[in-house]
Every structure is written in C-alpha cells, then in structure tokens.
Amino acid sequence: MKPLSLADRFFVLQARTLERAALRFVAPQRILRVLFALIARIGGRLPRGMIPIRDRHGALWFRPDAVARDAPVILYIHGGGFTIGGPRTHAALVGALAKAAGMRAVAASYRLAPEHPFPAARDDAIATYARLVEAGTPPIAIAGDSAGGCLSLSVLQHARDMGWPLPKAACLIAPIGDLSGSVEARFGEAENEILIPPQWPARIREVYLRGLDPTAPEISPLLGDLSGLPPTLIQAATGEALAQDSARIVAAMDDATLDLWPGLQHVWHLHAGRAPVADRAIAQLADFIKSHA
C-alpha cells in the first residue's frame, strides 16, 4: 500500500477527533444527520461534470460522460447506522465508482430510524432492487458500506430466495453482518477503531430494532444463509470493529475476498475526489466489478 498523503492523514485525524466525538456525545439523530451532510459535502468531491439526477423514489442516478444511457447499473446502498446518511452524503463515493467502472450507478434511498425502525430500511432497499428488475435492468453489481453493506447482503439473500436475477458481483465496505450479542463490547475491544465509539452502535441498535430479536436472519444476514451469492469483494480498515464481521462474512460465502487497509478510518471511501487513498480503494472495487461483468 502506498504511503498516506497529507490529505489522507487529515481525514484520518478528523475521523479520530471530530467525527468520533460527535458520534459519542451527540445522541439526537437529526443533529447527526446535519453534521454528516456537512462533513460529506466538504470531504468528498464528485467527478468533474457529473450531475446526479434524483428519481421519484428519492434515489440518485449517476452517469459519467461518454457512458451510454443503457449502460449496466451498479446499485449502491449507503451506510450510516440505519439512522443517518442518504444518497447525497455518498454522492462522491458513488459517482467515483460509476466513473471508475464506466457504468451507471444508482444510490438507493431508504427510510431511517428512529422514525422508521426495522424493517423499513430493508423493505425500501428490496423495493429498489425489485424496480430495477421489473424495468429490465437488474443491477450488474450491488455495493454498500456499513449498514448499507448489511442491507446489500439482505437484498441478495431475498433476491436469491425469490428467484430474481442476481448481480454478477458484490462490493461491500466494512459491512455490518451481525447485530446480535454485545455490539458495544465488540467496538470497545477493537483497539484500532478510529471512527466509531462503543456508544454509537449500542444506541443505533436500540432505535433501529426497538426490541426485535437481533438474531433474525433478516436483521443479521450473517446468521442466515450466505451461499449461492455472487462473487464478493469486501474492503475494511485493518483493526476496525467491523473487520471482524467482514472476516466472518467471507468465511460464510462461496466466493468472497477480504481486502484490509491499514491505518484508515471506517469507510474512508467517502472522501473520494479529495483523498488519494479513497480513490485507490474505489478503483479496486470498480476493477472487481468490471472483471465479473
């Protein structure tokens, strides 16, 4: 791995101090949504000339220059602990992935907790996939980060069980696989976790599940059947808490690879267009998708 640039190191420091403190001490999700939106707007940059288009379902569509209007589609499901984030916060990441792959991409919109607890997010993600299938454009690949990685796995399991066309590849960034057990302890024990404090996952599980059984496969896809899914590449930061889930997911799948990056924060890809290490990681995801298209 190349040495981190000054910009890369700046965003690591920002995650370790400002962002981690916000996730630890700020409980209201509405405030965190505003903070996340501001950080995302400043911290990432869309490819030059790319203007996302919002559809009537709230999803954002990305089409790089010189890419055909009927080019294959990558479905991206954003993270944010099921409580914050949206297509706009992940626009730089998704736009960069579309450009690097030379394909179209759509960033799904889904309802957030605590206003809309489980199964709202899962239902909306599945509905987005179903609309693509019904339109005759099933996604060539599905991708997602953190909570979005969890939803991506759940969508794949549902599509497989329903007999829908499956993508040719999946790309996940530090996905949540298992919401059972003591999530607070797992994050507290991860000594190299730069971004997420133990209080954050404990808090989001409470508002997202509202007392539901976290061992249900629809909630924790790692506790369900992960066989028969497309080839998958998972990227995560070495030593982050969700690298553990990532390793367990890889072990449970038929064809999956874990790619660990040292010294970085959870989902560093959000700084696409401004942090060279984010652009390199996204380029590898794009290469994986193209190699299976």
C-alpha atoms as a PDB file:
ATOM      1  CA  MET A   1       0.000   0.000   0.000  1.00  0.00           C
ATOM      2  CA  LYS A   2       1.280   3.483  -0.871  1.00  0.00           C
ATOM      3  CA  PRO A   3       2.073   5.882   1.984  1.00  0.00           C
ATOM      4  CA  LEU A   4      -0.834   8.059   3.053  1.00  0.00           C
ATOM      5  CA  SER A   5      -0.864  11.547   1.588  1.00  0.00           C
ATOM      6  CA  LEU A   6      -1.277  14.699   3.655  1.00  0.00           C
ATOM      7  CA  ALA A   7      -4.975  14.780   2.674  1.00  0.00           C
ATOM      8  CA  ASP A   8      -5.415  11.136   3.679  1.00  0.00           C
ATOM      9  CA  ARG A   9      -3.847  11.796   7.087  1.00  0.00           C
ATOM     10  CA  PHE A  10      -6.001  14.873   7.603  1.00  0.00           C
ATOM     11  CA  PHE A  11      -9.204  12.876   7.124  1.00  0.00           C
ATOM     12  CA  VAL A  12      -7.949  10.142   9.478  1.00  0.00           C
ATOM     13  CA  LEU A  13      -7.307  12.794  12.123  1.00  0.00           C
ATOM     14  CA  GLN A  14     -10.719  14.345  11.517  1.00  0.00           C
ATOM     15  CA  ALA A  15     -12.373  10.955  11.997  1.00  0.00           C
ATOM     16  CA  ARG A  16     -10.372  10.198  15.155  1.00  0.00           C
ATOM     17  CA  THR A  17     -11.210  13.518  16.804  1.00  0.00           C
ATOM     18  CA  LEU A  18     -14.182  15.485  15.475  1.00  0.00           C
ATOM     19  CA  GLU A  19     -16.323  12.705  13.999  1.00  0.00           C
ATOM     20  CA  ARG A  20     -15.709  10.181  16.772  1.00  0.00           C
ATOM     21  CA  ALA A  21     -16.577  12.795  19.396  1.00  0.00           C
ATOM     22  CA  ALA A  22     -19.811  13.660  17.589  1.00  0.00           C
ATOM     23  CA  LEU A  23     -20.878  10.013  17.437  1.00  0.00           C
ATOM     24  CA  ARG A  24     -20.056   9.573  21.117  1.00  0.00           C
ATOM     25  CA  PHE A  25     -21.676  12.654  22.605  1.00  0.00           C
ATOM     26  CA  VAL A  26     -24.451  13.702  20.184  1.00  0.00           C
ATOM     27  CA  ALA A  27     -27.493  11.498  20.651  1.00  0.00           C
ATOM     28  CA  PRO A  28     -30.248  13.168  18.526  1.00  0.00           C
ATOM     29  CA  GLN A  29     -30.184  11.610  15.092  1.00  0.00           C
ATOM     30  CA  ARG A  30     -31.483  14.758  13.391  1.00  0.00           C
ATOM     31  CA  ILE A  31     -28.437  16.702  14.569  1.00  0.00           C
ATOM     32  CA  LEU A  32     -26.082  13.938  13.452  1.00  0.00           C
ATOM     33  CA  ARG A  33     -27.742  13.920  10.033  1.00  0.00           C
ATOM     34  CA  VAL A  34     -26.972  17.604   9.586  1.00  0.00           C
ATOM     35  CA  LEU A  35     -23.369  17.147  10.742  1.00  0.00           C
ATOM     36  CA  PHE A  36     -22.878  14.146   8.456  1.00  0.00           C
ATOM     37  CA  ALA A  37     -24.294  16.045   5.486  1.00  0.00           C
ATOM     38  CA  LEU A  38     -21.906  18.950   6.093  1.00  0.00           C
ATOM     39  CA  ILE A  39     -18.862  16.707   6.529  1.00  0.00           C
ATOM     40  CA  ALA A  40     -19.768  14.735   3.403  1.00  0.00           C
ATOM     41  CA  ARG A  41     -20.242  17.881   1.321  1.00  0.00           C
ATOM     42  CA  ILE A  42     -16.839  19.238   2.340  1.00  0.00           C
ATOM     43  CA  GLY A  43     -14.966  15.937   2.484  1.00  0.00           C
ATOM     44  CA  GLY A  44     -15.796  14.445  -0.908  1.00  0.00           C
ATOM     45  CA  ARG A  45     -15.950  15.705  -4.487  1.00  0.00           C
ATOM     46  CA  LEU A  46     -17.947  14.402  -7.426  1.00  0.00           C
ATOM     47  CA  PRO A  47     -16.105  13.712 -10.669  1.00  0.00           C
ATOM     48  CA  ARG A  48     -15.910  16.827 -12.806  1.00  0.00           C
ATOM     49  CA  GLY A  49     -19.076  17.467 -14.802  1.00  0.00           C
ATOM     50  CA  MET A  50     -21.134  14.726 -13.149  1.00  0.00           C
ATOM     51  CA  ILE A  51     -24.613  15.862 -12.091  1.00  0.00           C
ATOM     52  CA  PRO A  52     -26.683  13.243 -10.224  1.00  0.00           C
ATOM     53  CA  ILE A  53     -30.375  13.035 -11.105  1.00  0.00           C
ATOM     54  CA  ARG A  54     -32.949  12.247  -8.431  1.00  0.00           C
ATOM     55  CA  ASP A  55     -35.822   9.957  -9.408  1.00  0.00           C
ATOM     56  CA  ARG A  56     -39.334   9.947  -7.974  1.00  0.00           C
ATOM     57  CA  HIS A  57     -38.311   7.387  -5.334  1.00  0.00           C
ATOM     58  CA  GLY A  58     -35.557   9.602  -3.931  1.00  0.00           C
ATOM     59  CA  ALA A  59     -32.693   7.610  -5.461  1.00  0.00           C
ATOM     60  CA  LEU A  60     -29.798   9.405  -7.163  1.00  0.00           C
ATOM     61  CA  TRP A  61     -28.634   8.304 -10.606  1.00  0.00           C
ATOM     62  CA  PHE A  62     -25.070   8.816 -11.809  1.00  0.00           C
ATOM     63  CA  ARG A  63     -23.923   8.567 -15.429  1.00  0.00           C
ATOM     64  CA  PRO A  64     -20.346   9.517 -16.331  1.00  0.00           C
ATOM     65  CA  ASP A  65     -19.565  11.304 -19.570  1.00  0.00           C
ATOM     66  CA  ALA A  66     -19.384   9.000 -22.592  1.00  0.00           C
ATOM     67  CA  VAL A  67     -21.297   6.251 -20.773  1.00  0.00           C
ATOM     68  CA  ALA A  68     -24.387   5.098 -22.644  1.00  0.00           C
ATOM     69  CA  ARG A  69     -27.842   5.741 -21.227  1.00  0.00           C
ATOM     70  CA  ASP A  70     -28.476   1.994 -21.264  1.00  0.00           C
ATOM     71  CA  ALA A  71     -25.128   1.023 -19.709  1.00  0.00           C
ATOM     72  CA  PRO A  72     -25.130  -1.568 -16.903  1.00  0.00           C
ATOM     73  CA  VAL A  73     -26.231  -0.309 -13.495  1.00  0.00           C
ATOM     74  CA  ILE A  74     -24.464  -0.576 -10.128  1.00  0.00           C
ATOM     75  CA  LEU A  75     -26.872  -0.443  -7.191  1.00  0.00           C
ATOM     76  CA  TYR A  76     -25.342   1.304  -4.178  1.00  0.00           C
ATOM     77  CA  ILE A  77     -26.882   1.221  -0.674  1.00  0.00           C
ATOM     78  CA  HIS A  78     -25.489   3.840   1.684  1.00  0.00           C
ATOM     79  CA  GLY A  79     -24.432   3.356   5.289  1.00  0.00           C
ATOM     80  CA  GLY A  80     -24.955   5.456   8.391  1.00  0.00           C
ATOM     81  CA  GLY A  81     -26.077   3.067  11.088  1.00  0.00           C
ATOM     82  CA  PHE A  82     -29.624   2.863   9.699  1.00  0.00           C
ATOM     83  CA  THR A  83     -30.196   6.334  11.203  1.00  0.00           C
ATOM     84  CA  ILE A  84     -28.210   8.912   9.218  1.00  0.00           C
ATOM     85  CA  GLY A  85     -26.934   9.418   5.687  1.00  0.00           C
ATOM     86  CA  GLY A  86     -28.552   9.232   2.295  1.00  0.00           C
ATOM     87  CA  PRO A  87     -27.748   9.250  -1.408  1.00  0.00           C
ATOM     88  CA  ARG A  88     -26.367  12.801  -1.156  1.00  0.00           C
ATOM     89  CA  THR A  89     -23.887  12.031   1.631  1.00  0.00           C
ATOM     90  CA  HIS A  90     -22.464   9.231  -0.500  1.00  0.00           C
ATOM     91  CA  ALA A  91     -22.624  11.022  -3.851  1.00  0.00           C
ATOM     92  CA  ALA A  92     -18.866  11.490  -4.220  1.00  0.00           C
ATOM     93  CA  LEU A  93     -18.241   7.812  -3.464  1.00  0.00           C
ATOM     94  CA  VAL A  94     -20.936   6.535  -5.831  1.00  0.00           C
ATOM     95  CA  GLY A  95     -20.025   8.982  -8.584  1.00  0.00           C
ATOM     96  CA  ALA A  96     -16.385   7.935  -8.379  1.00  0.00           C
ATOM     97  CA  LEU A  97     -17.361   4.258  -8.500  1.00  0.00           C
ATOM     98  CA  ALA A  98     -19.549   4.837 -11.576  1.00  0.00           C
ATOM     99  CA  LYS A  99     -16.762   6.703 -13.363  1.00  0.00           C
ATOM    100  CA  ALA A 100     -14.071   4.170 -12.478  1.00  0.00           C
ATOM    101  CA  ALA A 101     -16.288   1.286 -13.639  1.00  0.00           C
ATOM    102  CA  GLY A 102     -17.531   3.070 -16.767  1.00  0.00           C
ATOM    103  CA  MET A 103     -21.112   2.247 -15.824  1.00  0.00           C
ATOM    104  CA  ARG A 104     -24.214   3.923 -14.469  1.00  0.00           C
ATOM    105  CA  ALA A 105     -24.908   3.808 -10.755  1.00  0.00           C
ATOM    106  CA  VAL A 106     -27.954   4.407  -8.609  1.00  0.00           C
ATOM    107  CA  ALA A 107     -27.778   5.266  -4.905  1.00  0.00           C
ATOM    108  CA  ALA A 108     -30.887   3.925  -3.194  1.00  0.00           C
ATOM    109  CA  SER A 109     -32.908   5.966  -0.737  1.00  0.00           C
ATOM    110  CA  TYR A 110     -34.434   4.295   2.308  1.00  0.00           C
ATOM    111  CA  ARG A 111     -36.269   5.369   5.426  1.00  0.00           C
ATOM    112  CA  LEU A 112     -34.231   5.939   8.573  1.00  0.00           C
ATOM    113  CA  ALA A 113     -34.675   5.076  12.247  1.00  0.00           C
ATOM    114  CA  PRO A 114     -35.786   6.103  14.802  1.00  0.00           C
ATOM    115  CA  GLU A 115     -38.719   7.479  12.810  1.00  0.00           C
ATOM    116  CA  HIS A 116     -38.810   4.308  10.729  1.00  0.00           C
ATOM    117  CA  PRO A 117     -37.331   1.288  12.554  1.00  0.00           C
ATOM    118  CA  PHE A 118     -36.782  -2.168  11.073  1.00  0.00           C
ATOM    119  CA  PRO A 119     -37.994  -3.401   8.587  1.00  0.00           C
ATOM    120  CA  ALA A 120     -38.424  -0.047   6.787  1.00  0.00           C
ATOM    121  CA  ALA A 121     -34.836   0.209   5.509  1.00  0.00           C
ATOM    122  CA  ARG A 122     -34.756  -3.410   4.352  1.00  0.00           C
ATOM    123  CA  ASP A 123     -38.152  -3.115   2.656  1.00  0.00           C
ATOM    124  CA  ASP A 124     -37.069   0.023   0.798  1.00  0.00           C
ATOM    125  CA  ALA A 125     -33.765  -1.491  -0.324  1.00  0.00           C
ATOM    126  CA  ILE A 126     -35.532  -4.592  -1.624  1.00  0.00           C
ATOM    127  CA  ALA A 127     -38.100  -2.396  -3.383  1.00  0.00           C
ATOM    128  CA  THR A 128     -35.317  -0.513  -5.178  1.00  0.00           C
ATOM    129  CA  TYR A 129     -33.809  -3.777  -6.385  1.00  0.00           C
ATOM    130  CA  ALA A 130     -37.222  -5.043  -7.467  1.00  0.00           C
ATOM    131  CA  ARG A 131     -37.858  -1.883  -9.511  1.00  0.00           C
ATOM    132  CA  LEU A 132     -34.593  -2.380 -11.384  1.00  0.00           C
ATOM    133  CA  VAL A 133     -35.505  -5.996 -12.140  1.00  0.00           C
ATOM    134  CA  GLU A 134     -39.017  -5.042 -13.264  1.00  0.00           C
ATOM    135  CA  ALA A 135     -37.586  -2.330 -15.530  1.00  0.00           C
ATOM    136  CA  GLY A 136     -35.449  -4.938 -17.283  1.00  0.00           C
ATOM    137  CA  THR A 137     -32.224  -3.508 -15.865  1.00  0.00           C
ATOM    138  CA  PRO A 138     -31.221  -5.799 -12.984  1.00  0.00           C
ATOM    139  CA  PRO A 139     -28.038  -4.424 -11.403  1.00  0.00           C
ATOM    140  CA  ILE A 140     -24.757  -5.731 -12.739  1.00  0.00           C
ATOM    141  CA  ALA A 141     -23.372  -5.276  -9.221  1.00  0.00           C
ATOM    142  CA  ILE A 142     -24.558  -4.317  -5.774  1.00  0.00           C
ATOM    143  CA  ALA A 143     -22.424  -2.342  -3.357  1.00  0.00           C
ATOM    144  CA  GLY A 144     -22.840  -0.812   0.072  1.00  0.00           C
ATOM    145  CA  ASP A 145     -20.990   0.332   3.158  1.00  0.00           C
ATOM    146  CA  SER A 146     -21.541  -0.448   6.840  1.00  0.00           C
ATOM    147  CA  ALA A 147     -25.327  -0.549   7.401  1.00  0.00           C
ATOM    148  CA  GLY A 148     -25.675  -0.390   3.625  1.00  0.00           C
ATOM    149  CA  GLY A 149     -23.476  -3.474   3.387  1.00  0.00           C
ATOM    150  CA  CYS A 150     -25.846  -5.222   5.784  1.00  0.00           C
ATOM    151  CA  LEU A 151     -28.805  -4.217   3.623  1.00  0.00           C
ATOM    152  CA  SER A 152     -26.959  -5.283   0.465  1.00  0.00           C
ATOM    153  CA  LEU A 153     -26.488  -8.783   1.876  1.00  0.00           C
ATOM    154  CA  SER A 154     -30.138  -8.900   2.910  1.00  0.00           C
ATOM    155  CA  VAL A 155     -31.232  -7.810  -0.570  1.00  0.00           C
ATOM    156  CA  LEU A 156     -29.049 -10.505  -2.147  1.00  0.00           C
ATOM    157  CA  GLN A 157     -30.476 -13.186   0.130  1.00  0.00           C
ATOM    158  CA  HIS A 158     -34.015 -12.071  -0.703  1.00  0.00           C
ATOM    159  CA  ALA A 159     -33.331 -11.906  -4.453  1.00  0.00           C
ATOM    160  CA  ARG A 160     -31.805 -15.396  -4.399  1.00  0.00           C
ATOM    161  CA  ASP A 161     -34.733 -16.840  -2.463  1.00  0.00           C
ATOM    162  CA  MET A 162     -37.252 -15.153  -4.786  1.00  0.00           C
ATOM    163  CA  GLY A 163     -35.510 -16.437  -7.902  1.00  0.00           C
ATOM    164  CA  TRP A 164     -34.749 -12.935  -9.167  1.00  0.00           C
ATOM    165  CA  PRO A 165     -31.702 -12.281 -11.367  1.00  0.00           C
ATOM    166  CA  LEU A 166     -28.621 -11.857  -9.211  1.00  0.00           C
ATOM    167  CA  PRO A 167     -25.812  -9.345  -9.835  1.00  0.00           C
ATOM    168  CA  LYS A 168     -22.554 -10.541 -11.293  1.00  0.00           C
ATOM    169  CA  ALA A 169     -20.610  -9.140  -8.338  1.00  0.00           C
ATOM    170  CA  ALA A 170     -20.964  -7.538  -4.928  1.00  0.00           C
ATOM    171  CA  CYS A 171     -18.665  -4.967  -3.320  1.00  0.00           C
ATOM    172  CA  LEU A 172     -19.034  -4.288   0.386  1.00  0.00           C
ATOM    173  CA  ILE A 173     -17.214  -1.792   2.581  1.00  0.00           C
ATOM    174  CA  ALA A 174     -16.940  -2.861   6.242  1.00  0.00           C
ATOM    175  CA  PRO A 175     -20.455  -4.341   6.265  1.00  0.00           C
ATOM    176  CA  ILE A 176     -22.477  -4.966   9.401  1.00  0.00           C
ATOM    177  CA  GLY A 177     -23.203  -8.670   9.411  1.00  0.00           C
ATOM    178  CA  ASP A 178     -24.363  -9.426  12.932  1.00  0.00           C
ATOM    179  CA  LEU A 179     -26.360  -7.144  15.227  1.00  0.00           C
ATOM    180  CA  SER A 180     -26.703  -9.753  17.976  1.00  0.00           C
ATOM    181  CA  GLY A 181     -24.683 -10.017  21.181  1.00  0.00           C
ATOM    182  CA  SER A 182     -22.928  -7.084  22.786  1.00  0.00           C
ATOM    183  CA  VAL A 183     -22.149  -4.754  19.916  1.00  0.00           C
ATOM    184  CA  GLU A 184     -20.906  -2.173  22.419  1.00  0.00           C
ATOM    185  CA  ALA A 185     -18.301  -4.629  23.732  1.00  0.00           C
ATOM    186  CA  ARG A 186     -17.167  -5.602  20.237  1.00  0.00           C
ATOM    187  CA  PHE A 187     -16.486  -1.986  19.353  1.00  0.00           C
ATOM    188  CA  GLY A 188     -14.881  -1.266  22.696  1.00  0.00           C
ATOM    189  CA  GLU A 189     -12.448  -4.152  22.247  1.00  0.00           C
ATOM    190  CA  ALA A 190     -11.354  -3.025  18.767  1.00  0.00           C
ATOM    191  CA  GLU A 191      -8.181  -1.144  19.708  1.00  0.00           C
ATOM    192  CA  ASN A 192      -7.611   0.221  16.201  1.00  0.00           C
ATOM    193  CA  GLU A 193     -11.158   1.507  15.664  1.00  0.00           C
ATOM    194  CA  ILE A 194     -10.582   5.117  14.616  1.00  0.00           C
ATOM    195  CA  LEU A 195     -14.084   6.390  13.985  1.00  0.00           C
ATOM    196  CA  ILE A 196     -16.870   4.574  15.829  1.00  0.00           C
ATOM    197  CA  PRO A 197     -17.115   4.739  19.641  1.00  0.00           C
ATOM    198  CA  PRO A 198     -18.898   1.912  21.507  1.00  0.00           C
ATOM    199  CA  GLN A 199     -21.825   4.185  22.389  1.00  0.00           C
ATOM    200  CA  TRP A 200     -22.827   4.635  18.744  1.00  0.00           C
ATOM    201  CA  PRO A 201     -23.637   1.030  17.734  1.00  0.00           C
ATOM    202  CA  ALA A 202     -25.399   0.403  21.044  1.00  0.00           C
ATOM    203  CA  ARG A 203     -27.543   3.480  20.508  1.00  0.00           C
ATOM    204  CA  ILE A 204     -28.442   2.731  16.893  1.00  0.00           C
ATOM    205  CA  ARG A 205     -29.361  -0.880  17.625  1.00  0.00           C
ATOM    206  CA  GLU A 206     -31.815   0.326  20.246  1.00  0.00           C
ATOM    207  CA  VAL A 207     -33.613   2.759  17.942  1.00  0.00           C
ATOM    208  CA  TYR A 208     -33.394   0.569  14.825  1.00  0.00           C
ATOM    209  CA  LEU A 209     -34.640  -2.694  16.326  1.00  0.00           C
ATOM    210  CA  ARG A 210     -36.971  -1.464  19.076  1.00  0.00           C
ATOM    211  CA  GLY A 211     -36.709  -4.740  20.989  1.00  0.00           C
ATOM    212  CA  LEU A 212     -36.811  -7.098  17.993  1.00  0.00           C
ATOM    213  CA  ASP A 213     -34.681 -10.242  18.033  1.00  0.00           C
ATOM    214  CA  PRO A 214     -31.302  -9.286  16.502  1.00  0.00           C
ATOM    215  CA  THR A 215     -30.552 -12.923  15.656  1.00  0.00           C
ATOM    216  CA  ALA A 216     -33.266 -12.957  12.971  1.00  0.00           C
ATOM    217  CA  PRO A 217     -31.526 -13.517   9.602  1.00  0.00           C
ATOM    218  CA  GLU A 218     -33.471 -10.606   8.092  1.00  0.00           C
ATOM    219  CA  ILE A 219     -31.741  -8.350  10.646  1.00  0.00           C
ATOM    220  CA  SER A 220     -28.338 -10.040  10.877  1.00  0.00           C
ATOM    221  CA  PRO A 221     -27.664 -11.577   7.431  1.00  0.00           C
ATOM    222  CA  LEU A 222     -24.530 -13.290   8.707  1.00  0.00           C
ATOM    223  CA  LEU A 223     -26.793 -15.521  10.813  1.00  0.00           C
ATOM    224  CA  GLY A 224     -28.707 -16.554   7.689  1.00  0.00           C
ATOM    225  CA  ASP A 225     -27.683 -18.452   4.555  1.00  0.00           C
ATOM    226  CA  LEU A 226     -24.936 -16.687   2.563  1.00  0.00           C
ATOM    227  CA  SER A 227     -24.448 -19.434  -0.009  1.00  0.00           C
ATOM    228  CA  GLY A 228     -25.312 -19.005  -3.658  1.00  0.00           C
ATOM    229  CA  LEU A 229     -24.480 -15.298  -3.744  1.00  0.00           C
ATOM    230  CA  PRO A 230     -22.292 -13.616  -6.376  1.00  0.00           C
ATOM    231  CA  PRO A 231     -18.519 -13.186  -6.080  1.00  0.00           C
ATOM    232  CA  THR A 232     -17.866 -10.574  -3.425  1.00  0.00           C
ATOM    233  CA  LEU A 233     -15.029  -8.221  -2.543  1.00  0.00           C
ATOM    234  CA  ILE A 234     -15.065  -6.739   0.967  1.00  0.00           C
ATOM    235  CA  GLN A 235     -12.832  -3.841   1.925  1.00  0.00           C
ATOM    236  CA  ALA A 236     -12.311  -2.754   5.520  1.00  0.00           C
ATOM    237  CA  ALA A 237      -9.780  -0.927   7.644  1.00  0.00           C
ATOM    238  CA  THR A 238      -7.359  -3.206   9.453  1.00  0.00           C
ATOM    239  CA  GLY A 239      -8.323  -3.394  13.098  1.00  0.00           C
ATOM    240  CA  GLU A 240     -11.668  -1.649  12.873  1.00  0.00           C
ATOM    241  CA  ALA A 241     -14.513  -3.369  14.709  1.00  0.00           C
ATOM    242  CA  LEU A 242     -16.419  -4.321  11.571  1.00  0.00           C
ATOM    243  CA  ALA A 243     -13.362  -6.048  10.117  1.00  0.00           C
ATOM    244  CA  GLN A 244     -14.463  -8.913  12.383  1.00  0.00           C
ATOM    245  CA  ASP A 245     -17.891  -9.090  10.731  1.00  0.00           C
ATOM    246  CA  SER A 246     -16.180  -8.819   7.345  1.00  0.00           C
ATOM    247  CA  ALA A 247     -13.956 -11.828   8.045  1.00  0.00           C
ATOM    248  CA  ARG A 248     -16.921 -13.903   9.232  1.00  0.00           C
ATOM    249  CA  ILE A 249     -18.924 -12.979   6.134  1.00  0.00           C
ATOM    250  CA  VAL A 250     -16.068 -14.005   3.844  1.00  0.00           C
ATOM    251  CA  ALA A 251     -15.828 -17.356   5.637  1.00  0.00           C
ATOM    252  CA  ALA A 252     -19.566 -17.970   5.198  1.00  0.00           C
ATOM    253  CA  MET A 253     -19.721 -17.166   1.466  1.00  0.00           C
ATOM    254  CA  ASP A 254     -18.892 -19.351  -1.507  1.00  0.00           C
ATOM    255  CA  ASP A 255     -16.654 -16.823  -3.273  1.00  0.00           C
ATOM    256  CA  ALA A 256     -15.531 -13.820  -1.254  1.00  0.00           C
ATOM    257  CA  THR A 257     -12.292 -11.928  -0.655  1.00  0.00           C
ATOM    258  CA  LEU A 258     -11.359  -9.689   2.259  1.00  0.00           C
ATOM    259  CA  ASP A 259      -9.094  -6.734   1.462  1.00  0.00           C
ATOM    260  CA  LEU A 260      -7.781  -4.973   4.604  1.00  0.00           C
ATOM    261  CA  TRP A 261      -6.288  -1.467   4.512  1.00  0.00           C
ATOM    262  CA  PRO A 262      -4.102  -0.366   7.467  1.00  0.00           C
ATOM    263  CA  GLY A 263      -4.219   2.946   9.286  1.00  0.00           C
ATOM    264  CA  LEU A 264      -7.570   4.124   7.985  1.00  0.00           C
ATOM    265  CA  GLN A 265     -10.978   5.022   9.355  1.00  0.00           C
ATOM    266  CA  HIS A 266     -14.282   3.258   8.771  1.00  0.00           C
ATOM    267  CA  VAL A 267     -15.476   3.887   5.165  1.00  0.00           C
ATOM    268  CA  TRP A 268     -12.628   6.206   4.185  1.00  0.00           C
ATOM    269  CA  HIS A 269     -14.088   5.956   0.667  1.00  0.00           C
ATOM    270  CA  LEU A 270     -16.441   8.836   1.500  1.00  0.00           C
ATOM    271  CA  HIS A 271     -13.558  11.212   0.757  1.00  0.00           C
ATOM    272  CA  ALA A 272     -13.464  10.279  -2.918  1.00  0.00           C
ATOM    273  CA  GLY A 273     -12.122  13.075  -5.070  1.00  0.00           C
ATOM    274  CA  ARG A 274     -10.154  14.594  -2.177  1.00  0.00           C
ATOM    275  CA  ALA A 275      -8.238  11.704  -0.563  1.00  0.00           C
ATOM    276  CA  PRO A 276      -5.995   9.637  -2.869  1.00  0.00           C
ATOM    277  CA  VAL A 277      -6.384   6.503  -0.724  1.00  0.00           C
ATOM    278  CA  ALA A 278     -10.170   6.704  -1.172  1.00  0.00           C
ATOM    279  CA  ASP A 279      -9.783   6.936  -4.942  1.00  0.00           C
ATOM    280  CA  ARG A 280      -7.416   3.951  -4.982  1.00  0.00           C
ATOM    281  CA  ALA A 281      -9.812   1.804  -2.966  1.00  0.00           C
ATOM    282  CA  ILE A 282     -12.759   2.733  -5.187  1.00  0.00           C
ATOM    283  CA  ALA A 283     -10.699   1.958  -8.293  1.00  0.00           C
ATOM    284  CA  GLN A 284     -10.116  -1.548  -6.947  1.00  0.00           C
ATOM    285  CA  LEU A 285     -13.842  -2.006  -6.346  1.00  0.00           C
ATOM    286  CA  ALA A 286     -14.520  -0.871  -9.905  1.00  0.00           C
ATOM    287  CA  ASP A 287     -11.915  -3.252 -11.306  1.00  0.00           C
ATOM    288  CA  PHE A 288     -13.556  -6.110  -9.415  1.00  0.00           C
ATOM    289  CA  ILE A 289     -16.950  -5.243 -10.866  1.00  0.00           C
ATOM    290  CA  LYS A 290     -15.567  -4.965 -14.413  1.00  0.00           C
ATOM    291  CA  SER A 291     -13.758  -8.282 -14.099  1.00  0.00           C
ATOM    292  CA  HIS A 292     -17.069 -10.027 -13.373  1.00  0.00           C
ATOM    293  CA  ALA A 293     -19.385  -8.059 -15.676  1.00  0.00           C
END
